[in-house]
C-alpha atoms as a PDB file:
ATOM      1  CA  MET A   1       0.092   7.764  11.685  1.00  0.00           C
ATOM      2  CA  PRO A   2       2.426   9.350   9.029  1.00  0.00           C
ATOM      3  CA  ARG A   3       2.305   8.073   5.480  1.00  0.00           C
ATOM      4  CA  TRP A   4       5.501   6.755   3.991  1.00  0.00           C
ATOM      5  CA  GLN A   5       7.215   5.486   0.869  1.00  0.00           C
ATOM      6  CA  THR A   6      10.540   3.819  -0.060  1.00  0.00           C
ATOM      7  CA  ARG A   7      12.483   4.558  -3.258  1.00  0.00           C
ATOM      8  CA  ILE A   8      15.775   3.455  -4.749  1.00  0.00           C
ATOM      9  CA  LEU A   9      17.684   5.938  -6.918  1.00  0.00           C
ATOM     10  CA  GLN A  10      21.186   5.287  -8.287  1.00  0.00           C
ATOM     11  CA  ASP A  11      21.892   2.524  -5.688  1.00  0.00           C
ATOM     12  CA  THR A  12      20.739   4.722  -2.836  1.00  0.00           C
ATOM     13  CA  SER A  13      17.718   3.754  -0.752  1.00  0.00           C
ATOM     14  CA  TYR A  14      15.439   6.576   0.455  1.00  0.00           C
ATOM     15  CA  PHE A  15      12.697   6.555   3.006  1.00  0.00           C
ATOM     16  CA  ILE A  16      10.138   9.282   2.604  1.00  0.00           C
ATOM     17  CA  LEU A  17       7.927  10.143   5.618  1.00  0.00           C
ATOM     18  CA  SER A  18       5.025  12.580   5.418  1.00  0.00           C
ATOM     19  CA  ALA A  19       2.949  14.555   7.890  1.00  0.00           C
ATOM     20  CA  THR A  20       0.416  17.393   7.562  1.00  0.00           C
ATOM     21  CA  ASN A  21       0.437  20.564   9.637  1.00  0.00           C
ATOM     22  CA  GLY A  22      -1.044  24.028   9.395  1.00  0.00           C
ATOM     23  CA  GLU A  23       1.246  24.895   6.501  1.00  0.00           C
ATOM     24  CA  GLY A  24       0.568  21.899   4.292  1.00  0.00           C
ATOM     25  CA  LEU A  25       2.237  18.568   3.602  1.00  0.00           C
ATOM     26  CA  GLN A  26       5.756  17.990   4.915  1.00  0.00           C
ATOM     27  CA  LEU A  27       8.019  15.339   3.369  1.00  0.00           C
ATOM     28  CA  LEU A  28      11.111  14.186   5.216  1.00  0.00           C
ATOM     29  CA  ILE A  29      13.650  12.553   2.897  1.00  0.00           C
ATOM     30  CA  ILE A  30      16.007  10.142   4.643  1.00  0.00           C
ATOM     31  CA  ASP A  31      19.070   8.378   3.207  1.00  0.00           C
ATOM     32  CA  ASN A  32      18.678   4.790   4.444  1.00  0.00           C
ATOM     33  CA  TYR A  33      22.448   4.082   4.212  1.00  0.00           C
ATOM     34  CA  THR A  34      23.800   7.089   6.105  1.00  0.00           C
ATOM     35  CA  PHE A  35      20.530   7.859   7.926  1.00  0.00           C
ATOM     36  CA  ASP A  36      21.038  11.508   7.043  1.00  0.00           C
ATOM     37  CA  TYR A  37      18.010  13.763   6.669  1.00  0.00           C
ATOM     38  CA  LYS A  38      18.553  14.839   3.086  1.00  0.00           C
ATOM     39  CA  ASN A  39      15.796  17.367   2.919  1.00  0.00           C
ATOM     40  CA  VAL A  40      12.466  18.536   4.342  1.00  0.00           C
ATOM     41  CA  ILE A  41       9.986  19.687   1.691  1.00  0.00           C
ATOM     42  CA  THR A  42       6.837  21.595   2.684  1.00  0.00           C
ATOM     43  CA  ILE A  43       4.159  21.663   0.000  1.00  0.00           C
ATOM     44  CA  PRO A  44       1.530  24.376   0.745  1.00  0.00           C
ATOM     45  CA  GLN A  45      -2.121  23.499   1.069  1.00  0.00           C
ATOM     46  CA  TYR A  46      -3.297  26.951   0.075  1.00  0.00           C
ATOM     47  CA  GLY A  47      -2.166  29.744  -2.234  1.00  0.00           C
ATOM     48  CA  PRO A  48      -1.151  29.610  -5.864  1.00  0.00           C
ATOM     49  CA  ASN A  49       0.879  26.449  -5.382  1.00  0.00           C
ATOM     50  CA  GLY A  50      -1.516  24.810  -2.925  1.00  0.00           C
ATOM     51  CA  PHE A  51      -3.112  21.361  -3.336  1.00  0.00           C
ATOM     52  CA  LYS A  52      -6.291  22.700  -1.665  1.00  0.00           C
ATOM     53  CA  THR A  53      -7.633  19.478  -0.153  1.00  0.00           C
ATOM     54  CA  ASN A  54      -7.118  17.504   3.043  1.00  0.00           C
ATOM     55  CA  SER A  55      -4.946  14.348   3.389  1.00  0.00           C
ATOM     56  CA  PRO A  56      -3.404  14.066  -0.091  1.00  0.00           C
ATOM     57  CA  SER A  57      -1.526  10.926  -1.147  1.00  0.00           C
ATOM     58  CA  PHE A  58       1.887  11.282  -2.723  1.00  0.00           C
ATOM     59  CA  TYR A  59       4.501   9.561  -4.924  1.00  0.00           C
ATOM     60  CA  TRP A  60       8.116  10.776  -4.605  1.00  0.00           C
ATOM     61  CA  HIS A  61       9.701   9.829  -7.940  1.00  0.00           C
ATOM     62  CA  ASN A  62      12.804  11.940  -7.431  1.00  0.00           C
ATOM     63  CA  SER A  63      13.725  15.295  -5.906  1.00  0.00           C
ATOM     64  CA  ASP A  64      12.120  17.297  -8.736  1.00  0.00           C
ATOM     65  CA  SER A  65       9.169  15.018  -9.425  1.00  0.00           C
ATOM     66  CA  ILE A  66       6.774  14.801  -6.483  1.00  0.00           C
ATOM     67  CA  PHE A  67       3.242  13.821  -7.447  1.00  0.00           C
ATOM     68  CA  LEU A  68       0.374  14.727  -5.131  1.00  0.00           C
ATOM     69  CA  PHE A  69      -3.051  13.066  -5.406  1.00  0.00           C
ATOM     70  CA  PRO A  70      -5.754  15.222  -3.779  1.00  0.00           C
ATOM     71  CA  THR A  71      -8.796  13.660  -2.186  1.00  0.00           C
ATOM     72  CA  SER A  72     -12.001  13.884  -4.281  1.00  0.00           C
ATOM     73  CA  LEU A  73     -10.480  15.857  -7.148  1.00  0.00           C
ATOM     74  CA  ASN A  74      -9.781  14.320 -10.573  1.00  0.00           C
ATOM     75  CA  LYS A  75      -6.405  16.020 -10.686  1.00  0.00           C
ATOM     76  CA  VAL A  76      -2.749  15.148 -10.093  1.00  0.00           C
ATOM     77  CA  PHE A  77      -0.279  17.895  -9.033  1.00  0.00           C
ATOM     78  CA  LEU A  78       3.414  17.783  -9.845  1.00  0.00           C
ATOM     79  CA  TYR A  79       5.839  19.644  -7.561  1.00  0.00           C
ATOM     80  CA  ASN A  80       9.623  20.246  -7.622  1.00  0.00           C
ATOM     81  CA  ARG A  81      12.121  20.303  -4.792  1.00  0.00           C
ATOM     82  CA  ASN A  82      11.299  23.995  -4.144  1.00  0.00           C
ATOM     83  CA  SER A  83       7.671  23.208  -3.472  1.00  0.00           C
ATOM     84  CA  GLU A  84       6.693  24.860  -6.751  1.00  0.00           C
ATOM     85  CA  LEU A  85       3.685  23.522  -8.653  1.00  0.00           C
ATOM     86  CA  THR A  86       5.074  22.776 -12.094  1.00  0.00           C
ATOM     87  CA  HIS A  87       2.138  20.994 -13.674  1.00  0.00           C
ATOM     88  CA  THR A  88      -1.475  20.085 -13.031  1.00  0.00           C
ATOM     89  CA  TYR A  89      -2.912  16.993 -14.773  1.00  0.00           C
ATOM     90  CA  SER A  90      -6.688  17.115 -15.002  1.00  0.00           C
ATOM     91  CA  PHE A  91      -8.472  14.039 -16.293  1.00  0.00           C
ATOM     92  CA  ASP A  92     -11.874  12.472 -16.902  1.00  0.00           C
ATOM     93  CA  SER A  93     -12.756   9.155 -15.209  1.00  0.00           C
ATOM     94  CA  GLU A  94     -15.658   6.855 -14.533  1.00  0.00           C
ATOM     95  CA  ALA A  95     -15.977   8.251 -10.991  1.00  0.00           C
ATOM     96  CA  ILE A  96     -14.526  10.797  -8.606  1.00  0.00           C
ATOM     97  CA  MET A  97     -11.245   9.267  -7.508  1.00  0.00           C
ATOM     98  CA  SER A  98      -9.474   8.820  -4.240  1.00  0.00           C
ATOM     99  CA  PHE A  99      -5.957   7.467  -4.329  1.00  0.00           C
ATOM    100  CA  ASP A 100      -5.388   4.587  -2.055  1.00  0.00           C
ATOM    101  CA  THR A 101      -3.698   5.285   1.266  1.00  0.00           C
ATOM    102  CA  ASN A 102      -4.813   2.188   3.138  1.00  0.00           C
ATOM    103  CA  GLU A 103      -2.212   1.278   5.869  1.00  0.00           C
ATOM    104  CA  GLN A 104      -0.286   4.519   5.011  1.00  0.00           C
ATOM    105  CA  GLN A 105       2.124   3.017   2.406  1.00  0.00           C
ATOM    106  CA  GLN A 106       2.336   5.425  -0.505  1.00  0.00           C
ATOM    107  CA  GLY A 107       3.733   5.056  -4.003  1.00  0.00           C
ATOM    108  CA  GLY A 108       3.196   4.376  -7.665  1.00  0.00           C
ATOM    109  CA  VAL A 109       5.289   3.598 -10.735  1.00  0.00           C
ATOM    110  CA  LEU A 110       6.277   6.017 -13.546  1.00  0.00           C
ATOM    111  CA  LEU A 111       7.441   4.327 -16.811  1.00  0.00           C
ATOM    112  CA  ASP A 112       7.745   6.035 -20.173  1.00  0.00           C
ATOM    113  CA  SER A 113       5.470   8.967 -19.176  1.00  0.00           C
ATOM    114  CA  ILE A 114       2.816   6.580 -17.876  1.00  0.00           C
ATOM    115  CA  LEU A 115       1.956   6.881 -14.230  1.00  0.00           C
ATOM    116  CA  TYR A 116       0.564   3.686 -12.597  1.00  0.00           C
ATOM    117  CA  ILE A 117      -1.450   4.332  -9.462  1.00  0.00           C
ATOM    118  CA  ASN A 118      -3.847   2.533  -7.092  1.00  0.00           C
ATOM    119  CA  THR A 119      -7.255   4.083  -6.799  1.00  0.00           C
ATOM    120  CA  ILE A 120     -10.464   3.797  -4.812  1.00  0.00           C
ATOM    121  CA  PRO A 121     -13.400   5.624  -6.430  1.00  0.00           C
ATOM    122  CA  HIS A 122     -15.781   7.609  -4.265  1.00  0.00           C
ATOM    123  CA  SER A 123     -18.638   5.136  -4.566  1.00  0.00           C
ATOM    124  CA  ASN A 124     -20.704   3.058  -2.197  1.00  0.00           C
ATOM    125  CA  PRO A 125     -18.575  -0.001  -1.238  1.00  0.00           C
ATOM    126  CA  ASN A 126     -21.725  -1.673   0.178  1.00  0.00           C
ATOM    127  CA  SER A 127     -23.175  -1.948  -3.279  1.00  0.00           C
ATOM    128  CA  LEU A 128     -22.997  -5.455  -4.853  1.00  0.00           C
ATOM    129  CA  GLN A 129     -21.946  -3.733  -8.096  1.00  0.00           C
ATOM    130  CA  PHE A 130     -18.947  -1.992  -6.508  1.00  0.00           C
ATOM    131  CA  THR A 131     -16.339  -4.644  -7.426  1.00  0.00           C
ATOM    132  CA  SER A 132     -17.628  -4.947 -11.032  1.00  0.00           C
ATOM    133  CA  ASN A 133     -17.945  -1.154 -11.666  1.00  0.00           C
ATOM    134  CA  THR A 134     -14.753   0.055  -9.996  1.00  0.00           C
ATOM    135  CA  TYR A 135     -11.086  -0.723 -10.452  1.00  0.00           C
ATOM    136  CA  VAL A 136      -8.030  -1.237  -8.349  1.00  0.00           C
ATOM    137  CA  THR A 137      -5.448   0.392 -10.642  1.00  0.00           C
ATOM    138  CA  HIS A 138      -5.431   3.179 -13.247  1.00  0.00           C
ATOM    139  CA  THR A 139      -2.886   4.713 -15.512  1.00  0.00           C
ATOM    140  CA  LEU A 140      -2.379   8.411 -16.217  1.00  0.00           C
ATOM    141  CA  ASN A 141      -0.621   9.387 -19.455  1.00  0.00           C
ATOM    142  CA  LEU A 142       1.395  12.468 -18.588  1.00  0.00           C
ATOM    143  CA  ASN A 143       1.591  13.540 -22.256  1.00  0.00           C
ATOM    144  CA  ASN A 144      -2.109  13.796 -22.946  1.00  0.00           C
ATOM    145  CA  ASN A 145      -3.847  13.449 -19.504  1.00  0.00           C
ATOM    146  CA  GLU A 146      -5.553  10.230 -20.599  1.00  0.00           C
ATOM    147  CA  PHE A 147      -6.759   8.319 -17.519  1.00  0.00           C
ATOM    148  CA  LYS A 148      -7.430   4.634 -18.126  1.00  0.00           C
ATOM    149  CA  VAL A 149      -8.587   1.528 -16.294  1.00  0.00           C
ATOM    150  CA  TRP A 150      -5.655  -0.829 -15.833  1.00  0.00           C
ATOM    151  CA  SER A 151      -6.650  -3.611 -13.395  1.00  0.00           C
ATOM    152  CA  GLY A 152      -9.888  -4.588 -11.684  1.00  0.00           C
ATOM    153  CA  TYR A 153     -11.013  -6.894  -8.947  1.00  0.00           C
ATOM    154  CA  PRO A 154     -10.805 -10.696  -9.396  1.00  0.00           C
ATOM    155  CA  LYS A 155     -13.861 -12.405 -10.928  1.00  0.00           C
ATOM    156  CA  LYS A 156     -14.577 -14.287  -7.665  1.00  0.00           C
ATOM    157  CA  HIS A 157     -15.395 -10.927  -6.035  1.00  0.00           C
ATOM    158  CA  ILE A 158     -17.867  -9.800  -8.702  1.00  0.00           C
ATOM    159  CA  ASN A 159     -21.224  -9.082  -7.028  1.00  0.00           C
ATOM    160  CA  ARG A 160     -19.585  -9.417  -3.599  1.00  0.00           C
ATOM    161  CA  ILE A 161     -18.945  -6.853  -0.918  1.00  0.00           C
ATOM    162  CA  LEU A 162     -15.488  -6.337   0.609  1.00  0.00           C
ATOM    163  CA  PRO A 163     -14.982  -4.475   3.916  1.00  0.00           C
ATOM    164  CA  THR A 164     -13.220  -1.173   3.283  1.00  0.00           C
ATOM    165  CA  SER A 165     -10.063  -2.371   5.049  1.00  0.00           C
ATOM    166  CA  PHE A 166      -9.619  -4.930   2.235  1.00  0.00           C
ATOM    167  CA  LEU A 167     -10.156  -2.520  -0.655  1.00  0.00           C
ATOM    168  CA  GLY A 168      -7.220  -1.326  -2.738  1.00  0.00           C
ATOM    169  CA  GLY A 169      -3.545  -2.206  -2.556  1.00  0.00           C
ATOM    170  CA  GLN A 170      -0.142  -1.178  -3.851  1.00  0.00           C
ATOM    171  CA  ILE A 171       1.674  -1.315  -7.125  1.00  0.00           C
ATOM    172  CA  ILE A 172       5.517  -1.653  -7.308  1.00  0.00           C
ATOM    173  CA  ASN A 173       8.239  -2.179  -9.931  1.00  0.00           C
ATOM    174  CA  ALA A 174      10.289  -5.294  -9.283  1.00  0.00           C
ATOM    175  CA  PHE A 175      12.910  -7.485 -10.997  1.00  0.00           C
ATOM    176  CA  ASP A 176      13.403  -4.842 -13.738  1.00  0.00           C
ATOM    177  CA  SER A 177      10.570  -6.092 -15.991  1.00  0.00           C
ATOM    178  CA  LEU A 178       7.588  -6.632 -13.692  1.00  0.00           C
ATOM    179  CA  LEU A 179       4.884  -4.475 -12.212  1.00  0.00           C
ATOM    180  CA  LEU A 180       3.392  -6.201  -9.172  1.00  0.00           C
ATOM    181  CA  ILE A 181      -0.118  -5.414  -7.904  1.00  0.00           C
ATOM    182  CA  ASN A 182      -0.581  -6.299  -4.285  1.00  0.00           C
ATOM    183  CA  ASN A 183      -4.268  -6.519  -3.394  1.00  0.00           C
ATOM    184  CA  TYR A 184      -4.873  -6.488   0.397  1.00  0.00           C
ATOM    185  CA  HIS A 185      -7.470  -9.188   0.240  1.00  0.00           C
ATOM    186  CA  SER A 186      -5.813 -11.651  -2.153  1.00  0.00           C
ATOM    187  CA  ASP A 187      -3.559 -14.656  -1.677  1.00  0.00           C
ATOM    188  CA  SER A 188      -2.333 -14.019  -5.249  1.00  0.00           C
ATOM    189  CA  ILE A 189      -0.223 -11.206  -6.639  1.00  0.00           C
ATOM    190  CA  GLU A 190      -1.105  -9.963 -10.085  1.00  0.00           C
ATOM    191  CA  PHE A 191       1.877  -9.025 -12.228  1.00  0.00           C
ATOM    192  CA  PHE A 192       2.389  -7.330 -15.536  1.00  0.00           C
ATOM    193  CA  ASN A 193       5.415  -8.113 -17.701  1.00  0.00           C
ATOM    194  CA  ILE A 194       6.655  -4.883 -19.202  1.00  0.00           C
ATOM    195  CA  ASN A 195       8.339  -6.673 -22.064  1.00  0.00           C
ATOM    196  CA  SER A 196       5.554  -9.063 -23.127  1.00  0.00           C
ATOM    197  CA  ARG A 197       2.753  -6.660 -22.103  1.00  0.00           C
ATOM    198  CA  LYS A 198       0.903  -9.558 -20.431  1.00  0.00           C
ATOM    199  CA  PHE A 199      -0.881  -9.981 -17.073  1.00  0.00           C
ATOM    200  CA  GLU A 200      -0.377 -13.119 -15.005  1.00  0.00           C
ATOM    201  CA  LYS A 201      -0.980 -14.206 -11.440  1.00  0.00           C
ATOM    202  CA  VAL A 202       1.120 -16.077  -8.911  1.00  0.00           C
ATOM    203  CA  SER A 203       0.147 -17.476  -5.496  1.00  0.00           C
ATOM    204  CA  ALA A 204       2.239 -15.535  -3.050  1.00  0.00           C
ATOM    205  CA  GLY A 205       0.321 -15.580   0.194  1.00  0.00           C
ATOM    206  CA  MET A 206      -0.659 -17.747   3.161  1.00  0.00           C
ATOM    207  CA  THR A 207      -1.501 -20.895   1.239  1.00  0.00           C
ATOM    208  CA  GLY A 208      -3.894 -23.090   3.248  1.00  0.00           C
ATOM    209  CA  TYR A 209      -5.446 -20.192   5.186  1.00  0.00           C
ATOM    210  CA  ASN A 210      -9.081 -19.122   4.659  1.00  0.00           C
ATOM    211  CA  HIS A 211      -9.209 -15.985   2.492  1.00  0.00           C
ATOM    212  CA  LEU A 212     -11.965 -13.511   2.186  1.00  0.00           C
ATOM    213  CA  GLU A 213     -14.361 -14.481  -0.604  1.00  0.00           C
ATOM    214  CA  GLY A 214     -16.608 -11.445  -0.311  1.00  0.00           C
ATOM    215  CA  LEU A 215     -19.967 -10.892   1.311  1.00  0.00           C
ATOM    216  CA  LYS A 216     -23.438 -11.105  -0.174  1.00  0.00           C
ATOM    217  CA  LYS A 217     -24.989  -8.504   2.111  1.00  0.00           C
ATOM    218  CA  PRO A 218     -23.944  -4.967   3.095  1.00  0.00           C
ATOM    219  CA  ILE A 219     -21.867  -4.547   6.246  1.00  0.00           C
ATOM    220  CA  ASP A 220     -21.361  -1.730   8.658  1.00  0.00           C
ATOM    221  CA  ASN A 221     -17.591  -1.113   8.384  1.00  0.00           C
ATOM    222  CA  ARG A 222     -17.563   0.215  11.984  1.00  0.00           C
ATOM    223  CA  SER A 223     -19.327  -2.784  13.407  1.00  0.00           C
ATOM    224  CA  VAL A 224     -18.100  -5.741  15.441  1.00  0.00           C
ATOM    225  CA  ASN A 225     -18.726  -8.004  12.478  1.00  0.00           C
ATOM    226  CA  SER A 226     -16.384  -5.911  10.354  1.00  0.00           C
ATOM    227  CA  LEU A 227     -13.700  -6.095  13.034  1.00  0.00           C
ATOM    228  CA  VAL A 228     -14.010  -9.872  13.211  1.00  0.00           C
ATOM    229  CA  ILE A 229     -13.611 -10.162   9.459  1.00  0.00           C
ATOM    230  CA  GLN A 230     -10.449  -8.078   9.683  1.00  0.00           C
ATOM    231  CA  LEU A 231      -9.098 -10.441  12.305  1.00  0.00           C
ATOM    232  CA  LYS A 232     -10.133 -13.725  10.688  1.00  0.00           C
ATOM    233  CA  TYR A 233      -8.734 -13.266   7.183  1.00  0.00           C
ATOM    234  CA  PRO A 234      -5.210 -12.505   5.992  1.00  0.00           C
ATOM    235  CA  ASN A 235      -4.584  -8.908   5.033  1.00  0.00           C
ATOM    236  CA  TYR A 236      -1.468  -8.330   2.891  1.00  0.00           C
ATOM    237  CA  TYR A 237      -0.932  -4.794   4.046  1.00  0.00           C
ATOM    238  CA  LYS A 238       2.594  -3.980   2.720  1.00  0.00           C
ATOM    239  CA  ILE A 239       4.836  -4.865  -0.177  1.00  0.00           C
ATOM    240  CA  LEU A 240       8.175  -3.562  -1.294  1.00  0.00           C
ATOM    241  CA  PHE A 241      11.098  -4.471  -3.618  1.00  0.00           C
ATOM    242  CA  ASP A 242      14.626  -4.768  -2.288  1.00  0.00           C
ATOM    243  CA  PRO A 243      17.169  -4.315  -5.105  1.00  0.00           C
ATOM    244  CA  TYR A 244      20.086  -5.164  -2.796  1.00  0.00           C
ATOM    245  CA  SER A 245      18.857  -8.727  -2.240  1.00  0.00           C
ATOM    246  CA  ASN A 246      16.783  -8.814  -5.426  1.00  0.00           C
ATOM    247  CA  SER A 247      13.696  -9.835  -3.436  1.00  0.00           C
ATOM    248  CA  VAL A 248      10.128  -8.719  -2.882  1.00  0.00           C
ATOM    249  CA  TYR A 249       8.882  -8.508   0.682  1.00  0.00           C
ATOM    250  CA  ARG A 250       5.152  -9.027   1.274  1.00  0.00           C
ATOM    251  CA  PHE A 251       3.742  -8.627   4.795  1.00  0.00           C
ATOM    252  CA  SER A 252       0.718 -10.460   6.004  1.00  0.00           C
ATOM    253  CA  ARG A 253      -1.333  -9.925   9.224  1.00  0.00           C
ATOM    254  CA  HIS A 254      -3.601 -12.880  10.014  1.00  0.00           C
ATOM    255  CA  ILE A 255      -5.159 -14.980  12.746  1.00  0.00           C
ATOM    256  CA  ASN A 256      -3.216 -17.801  14.367  1.00  0.00           C
ATOM    257  CA  PRO A 257      -4.528 -20.999  12.634  1.00  0.00           C
ATOM    258  CA  ASN A 258      -5.118 -22.499  16.090  1.00  0.00           C
ATOM    259  CA  TYR A 259      -8.040 -20.080  16.437  1.00  0.00           C
ATOM    260  CA  ASP A 260      -9.353 -20.492  12.866  1.00  0.00           C
ATOM    261  CA  ASN A 261     -12.501 -22.390  14.002  1.00  0.00           C
ATOM    262  CA  TYR A 262     -13.361 -19.991  16.875  1.00  0.00           C
ATOM    263  CA  SER A 263     -16.711 -18.259  16.657  1.00  0.00           C
ATOM    264  CA  ASP A 264     -16.906 -14.491  16.229  1.00  0.00           C
ATOM    265  CA  GLY A 265     -17.722 -14.057  19.874  1.00  0.00           C
ATOM    266  CA  GLU A 266     -14.824 -16.267  21.018  1.00  0.00           C
ATOM    267  CA  ILE A 267     -12.352 -14.292  18.808  1.00  0.00           C
ATOM    268  CA  LEU A 268     -13.540 -10.989  20.271  1.00  0.00           C
ATOM    269  CA  ASN A 269     -13.211 -12.410  23.760  1.00  0.00           C
ATOM    270  CA  GLU A 270      -9.580 -13.451  23.086  1.00  0.00           C
ATOM    271  CA  LEU A 271      -8.930  -9.959  21.664  1.00  0.00           C
ATOM    272  CA  GLU A 272     -10.396  -8.257  24.704  1.00  0.00           C
ATOM    273  CA  ASN A 273      -8.235 -10.441  26.965  1.00  0.00           C
ATOM    274  CA  ASN A 274      -5.098  -9.255  25.040  1.00  0.00           C
ATOM    275  CA  ASN A 275      -4.228 -12.808  23.924  1.00  0.00           C
ATOM    276  CA  SER A 276      -0.778 -12.218  22.430  1.00  0.00           C
ATOM    277  CA  LYS A 277      -1.046 -15.526  20.485  1.00  0.00           C
ATOM    278  CA  LEU A 278      -4.285 -14.619  18.632  1.00  0.00           C
ATOM    279  CA  LEU A 279      -2.724 -12.707  15.750  1.00  0.00           C
ATOM    280  CA  GLN A 280       0.374 -13.370  13.734  1.00  0.00           C
ATOM    281  CA  ASN A 281       2.558 -11.459  11.313  1.00  0.00           C
ATOM    282  CA  THR A 282       4.283 -13.253   8.437  1.00  0.00           C
ATOM    283  CA  LEU A 283       6.902 -11.934   6.085  1.00  0.00           C
ATOM    284  CA  ILE A 284       6.827 -13.575   2.655  1.00  0.00           C
ATOM    285  CA  VAL A 285      10.076 -13.256   0.612  1.00  0.00           C
ATOM    286  CA  ILE A 286       9.614 -13.633  -3.117  1.00  0.00           C
ATOM    287  CA  GLY A 287      12.591 -14.331  -5.330  1.00  0.00           C
ATOM    288  CA  PRO A 288      13.166 -13.371  -9.004  1.00  0.00           C
ATOM    289  CA  LYS A 289      11.906 -16.791 -10.145  1.00  0.00           C
ATOM    290  CA  LEU A 290       8.840 -16.201  -7.907  1.00  0.00           C
ATOM    291  CA  THR A 291       9.997 -18.693  -5.294  1.00  0.00           C
ATOM    292  CA  LYS A 292       8.716 -18.013  -1.767  1.00  0.00           C
ATOM    293  CA  ARG A 293      10.109 -18.173   1.762  1.00  0.00           C
ATOM    294  CA  TYR A 294       8.096 -17.535   4.913  1.00  0.00           C
ATOM    295  CA  TYR A 295       9.202 -15.917   8.184  1.00  0.00           C
ATOM    296  CA  GLN A 296       6.855 -15.653  11.192  1.00  0.00           C
ATOM    297  CA  LEU A 297       7.517 -12.368  12.962  1.00  0.00           C
ATOM    298  CA  PRO A 298       6.826 -11.815  16.696  1.00  0.00           C
ATOM    299  CA  PHE A 299       5.906  -8.174  16.147  1.00  0.00           C
ATOM    300  CA  ASN A 300       3.739  -5.856  13.989  1.00  0.00           C
ATOM    301  CA  ILE A 301       5.627  -3.802  11.458  1.00  0.00           C
ATOM    302  CA  GLU A 302       4.750  -0.075  11.014  1.00  0.00           C
ATOM    303  CA  TYR A 303       7.439   0.847   8.428  1.00  0.00           C
ATOM    304  CA  ALA A 304       9.903  -1.156   6.365  1.00  0.00           C
ATOM    305  CA  PHE A 305      12.671  -0.119   3.980  1.00  0.00           C
ATOM    306  CA  PRO A 306      15.654  -1.842   2.387  1.00  0.00           C
ATOM    307  CA  SER A 307      19.265  -0.998   3.003  1.00  0.00           C
ATOM    308  CA  LYS A 308      22.598  -2.479   1.814  1.00  0.00           C
ATOM    309  CA  ASP A 309      22.982  -4.209   5.181  1.00  0.00           C
ATOM    310  CA  GLY A 310      19.479  -5.677   5.515  1.00  0.00           C
ATOM    311  CA  LEU A 311      15.762  -4.935   5.814  1.00  0.00           C
ATOM    312  CA  ILE A 312      15.104  -2.208   8.389  1.00  0.00           C
ATOM    313  CA  VAL A 313      11.712  -2.262  10.068  1.00  0.00           C
ATOM    314  CA  GLN A 314      10.001  -0.139  12.659  1.00  0.00           C
ATOM    315  CA  ILE A 315       7.893  -2.267  14.977  1.00  0.00           C
ATOM    316  CA  SER A 316       5.096  -1.608  17.379  1.00  0.00           C
ATOM    317  CA  SER A 317       5.504  -2.986  20.846  1.00  0.00           C
ATOM    318  CA  LEU A 318       3.092  -2.848  23.808  1.00  0.00           C
ATOM    319  CA  GLU A 319       6.018  -2.881  26.203  1.00  0.00           C
ATOM    320  CA  LEU A 320       7.728   0.054  24.435  1.00  0.00           C
ATOM    321  CA  GLU A 321       4.693   1.987  23.222  1.00  0.00           C
ATOM    322  CA  ASP A 322       6.264   5.326  24.016  1.00  0.00           C
ATOM    323  CA  LYS A 323       9.370   4.745  21.874  1.00  0.00           C
ATOM    324  CA  ASP A 324      10.159   4.097  18.192  1.00  0.00           C
ATOM    325  CA  VAL A 325      11.891   0.720  17.839  1.00  0.00           C
ATOM    326  CA  TYR A 326      13.881  -0.147  14.717  1.00  0.00           C
ATOM    327  CA  LEU A 327      15.331  -3.537  13.873  1.00  0.00           C
ATOM    328  CA  MET A 328      17.560  -4.734  11.047  1.00  0.00           C
ATOM    329  CA  LEU A 329      16.531  -8.132   9.593  1.00  0.00           C
ATOM    330  CA  ARG A 330      19.105 -10.241   7.806  1.00  0.00           C
ATOM    331  CA  LEU A 331      17.186 -12.983   6.010  1.00  0.00           C
ATOM    332  CA  ASN A 332      19.009 -16.139   4.855  1.00  0.00           C
END
């Protein structure tokens, strides 16, 4: 599946879609209001301007500031609109870094020459020390290449193991003065007030649902047990800010509470029988005063991006699996 990002510049909403081919990384820039393809940028994998690794993550800040995060290299590459490598930021860190691409949503935040990015170190996630020795978010100072820890895992997960599908998250800028950290596994959103320079948390999830507390023993992430965990606990797999409605949209995939007490075997049986009622998708709308509204959605969302007319989503549908289906949601 392609990786994607949304970005608002000068009251225009952009949707950036990426794909890799034999030449390198292609970025398709789409104006969400006119639906015009503004540009296609191909960043080479090899040669003097190449990023030289497979499956890089990206953050499109503007047309002349495209950050690429290569896998397993402690470097960040900056490209311009002509696919020219304009700067390489090399840094020291506590581990070899990978930049989170879980669920394909890309991004970051650049403020005052500080780049805020989600990270997953190349370390053993089945170690009980993983959540105490690694961190969800780092900052990179573009003036001096200083790479610093910014946010870690909650204390309740210290000396606990999280399946890899629950590691990491996204960071977004919202409501002018807040940076929000969306952890896939957490009911709460951690936010940083740019003005006061303080961290706080707010409950912004499926209150009343069982949430993943972490495991005391290693788990095979390709096993049936891992699949059941992914099904049983809410995963907050996307978050974005809509400046047109001044709202944050947080997406949750979770089990129908009617099946909450089913055994692992019973859940797998329902899944194998294609029970359409087993899993649910919920859209959580968060207002500027951190109020919350909940909308249950009858479909799974692949992409989502704001527009002046409403929230546009691409959905997955078993009935229309050979077609791309886009819907516009107007939320009261």
